Amino acid sequence: MAMVMLSMTSAFAGNENELNITPVADAKAYDMSLNYNSLARLLDLNIEQADEIENIHDRFCYDMSKAAKATNAAERKALVEKAVTRDLRNMHYVLSDNQFNKYRSVLNTTFINRGLK
């Protein structure tokens, strides 16, 4: 479990109540792709949840790629905040409270590790 958590923190981040996003120029920092099997194990997802999470996260990756292409810091920050807010809202709908708290923690750690927060 610790290994899965460690591998996930290098692929994610965000906080539902406090969005303190720092615009970063490196587009690679905005690549949120991950191994869905690892995420499913970490969060102990059932089959239906795993399918939903993959769809939600694909949209998040698309939104973050748009943010990476933003021409200025203010636009980039706004796009990231919008992407994170949408992602967390949708994930909270699909996940239990315990699963959501784990997800949010991993997402937050990833943003910190990438210098986005």
Protein backbone atom coordinates (compact mmCIF):
# COMPACT_ATOMS: atom_id res chain seq x y z
CA MET A 1 0.00 0.00 0.00
CA ALA A 2 2.83 2.41 0.85
CA MET A 3 4.49 1.70 -2.49
CA VAL A 4 1.27 2.41 -4.37
CA MET A 5 0.81 5.65 -2.42
CA LEU A 6 4.39 6.67 -3.16
CA SER A 7 3.99 6.00 -6.88
CA MET A 8 0.68 7.87 -6.97
CA THR A 9 2.06 11.00 -5.33
CA SER A 10 4.36 11.49 -8.27
CA ALA A 11 1.39 11.50 -10.62
CA PHE A 12 -1.21 13.85 -8.93
CA ALA A 13 -2.63 16.93 -6.50
CA GLY A 14 -5.25 19.70 -5.16
CA ASN A 15 -7.36 20.66 -2.14
CA GLU A 16 -11.13 21.01 -2.31
CA ASN A 17 -11.32 23.79 0.24
CA GLU A 18 -8.17 25.72 -0.57
CA LEU A 19 -6.94 26.25 -4.12
CA ASN A 20 -3.59 27.93 -3.82
CA ILE A 21 -2.26 27.26 -7.31
CA THR A 22 1.15 28.54 -8.38
CA PRO A 23 1.59 28.91 -12.16
CA VAL A 24 4.61 26.93 -13.39
CA ALA A 25 6.18 27.44 -16.81
CA ASP A 26 7.26 23.80 -17.33
CA ALA A 27 4.48 22.09 -19.29
CA LYS A 28 5.60 18.67 -18.02
CA ALA A 29 4.39 19.63 -14.53
CA TYR A 30 0.84 19.66 -15.90
CA ASP A 31 0.93 16.10 -17.26
CA MET A 32 -1.41 14.26 -14.89
CA SER A 33 -1.36 10.87 -16.62
CA LEU A 34 -1.22 7.90 -14.26
CA ASN A 35 -1.61 4.16 -13.93
CA TYR A 36 -5.32 3.54 -13.34
CA ASN A 37 -4.69 0.08 -11.87
CA SER A 38 -2.48 1.62 -9.18
CA LEU A 39 -5.11 4.23 -8.41
CA ALA A 40 -7.82 1.56 -8.25
CA ARG A 41 -5.75 -0.49 -5.77
CA LEU A 42 -4.91 2.53 -3.66
CA LEU A 43 -8.52 3.64 -3.41
CA ASP A 44 -9.96 0.10 -3.30
CA LEU A 45 -12.31 0.87 -6.20
CA ASN A 46 -15.01 -1.46 -7.45
CA ILE A 47 -15.39 -2.05 -11.21
CA GLU A 48 -18.01 0.67 -11.72
CA GLN A 49 -15.97 3.22 -9.79
CA ALA A 50 -12.82 2.36 -11.73
CA ASP A 51 -14.59 3.02 -15.04
CA GLU A 52 -16.02 6.32 -13.82
CA ILE A 53 -12.70 7.44 -12.33
CA GLU A 54 -10.90 6.77 -15.59
CA ASN A 55 -13.39 8.94 -17.50
CA ILE A 56 -13.20 11.72 -14.92
CA HIS A 57 -9.42 11.64 -14.84
CA ASP A 58 -9.14 11.66 -18.63
CA ARG A 59 -11.11 14.93 -18.60
CA PHE A 60 -8.83 16.26 -15.86
CA CYS A 61 -5.76 15.41 -17.97
CA TYR A 62 -7.29 17.24 -20.94
CA ASP A 63 -8.08 20.30 -18.81
CA MET A 64 -4.56 20.33 -17.36
CA SER A 65 -3.02 20.08 -20.83
CA LYS A 66 -5.01 23.18 -21.80
CA ALA A 67 -3.61 24.94 -18.74
CA ALA A 68 -0.07 23.96 -19.75
CA LYS A 69 -0.59 25.73 -23.09
CA ALA A 70 -1.90 28.95 -21.55
CA THR A 71 -0.05 32.04 -22.71
CA ASN A 72 0.21 33.81 -19.35
CA ALA A 73 0.37 32.96 -15.66
CA ALA A 74 -3.06 34.36 -14.76
CA GLU A 75 -4.79 32.36 -17.47
CA ARG A 76 -2.85 29.23 -16.52
CA LYS A 77 -3.77 29.60 -12.85
CA ALA A 78 -7.47 30.07 -13.69
CA LEU A 79 -7.49 27.00 -15.94
CA VAL A 80 -5.78 24.85 -13.30
CA GLU A 81 -8.20 25.99 -10.60
CA LYS A 82 -11.14 25.21 -12.88
CA ALA A 83 -9.70 21.76 -13.73
CA VAL A 84 -9.04 20.88 -10.08
CA THR A 85 -12.45 22.09 -8.93
CA ARG A 86 -14.21 20.07 -11.63
CA ASP A 87 -12.08 16.98 -10.94
CA LEU A 88 -12.67 17.06 -7.19
CA ARG A 89 -16.39 17.68 -7.60
CA ASN A 90 -16.76 14.72 -9.95
CA MET A 91 -14.51 12.43 -7.91
CA HIS A 92 -16.45 13.23 -4.74
CA TYR A 93 -19.64 12.17 -6.49
CA VAL A 94 -18.18 8.73 -7.36
CA LEU A 95 -15.97 7.98 -4.34
CA SER A 96 -16.83 7.29 -0.72
CA ASP A 97 -15.65 9.88 1.79
CA ASN A 98 -12.66 7.74 2.76
CA GLN A 99 -11.68 7.11 -0.87
CA PHE A 100 -12.12 10.79 -1.70
CA ASN A 101 -9.89 11.89 1.19
CA LYS A 102 -7.13 9.54 -0.01
CA TYR A 103 -7.51 10.80 -3.58
CA ARG A 104 -7.41 14.43 -2.50
CA SER A 105 -4.30 13.78 -0.40
CA VAL A 106 -2.49 12.18 -3.34
CA LEU A 107 -3.56 14.97 -5.68
CA ASN A 108 -2.42 17.63 -3.22
CA THR A 109 0.96 15.95 -2.73
CA THR A 110 1.47 15.71 -6.47
CA PHE A 111 0.78 19.41 -6.94
CA ILE A 112 3.25 20.22 -4.17
CA ASN A 113 5.91 17.91 -5.65
CA ARG A 114 5.52 19.51 -9.07
CA GLY A 115 5.68 23.05 -7.74
CA LEU A 116 2.09 23.80 -8.69
CA LYS A 117 1.06 24.53 -5.11
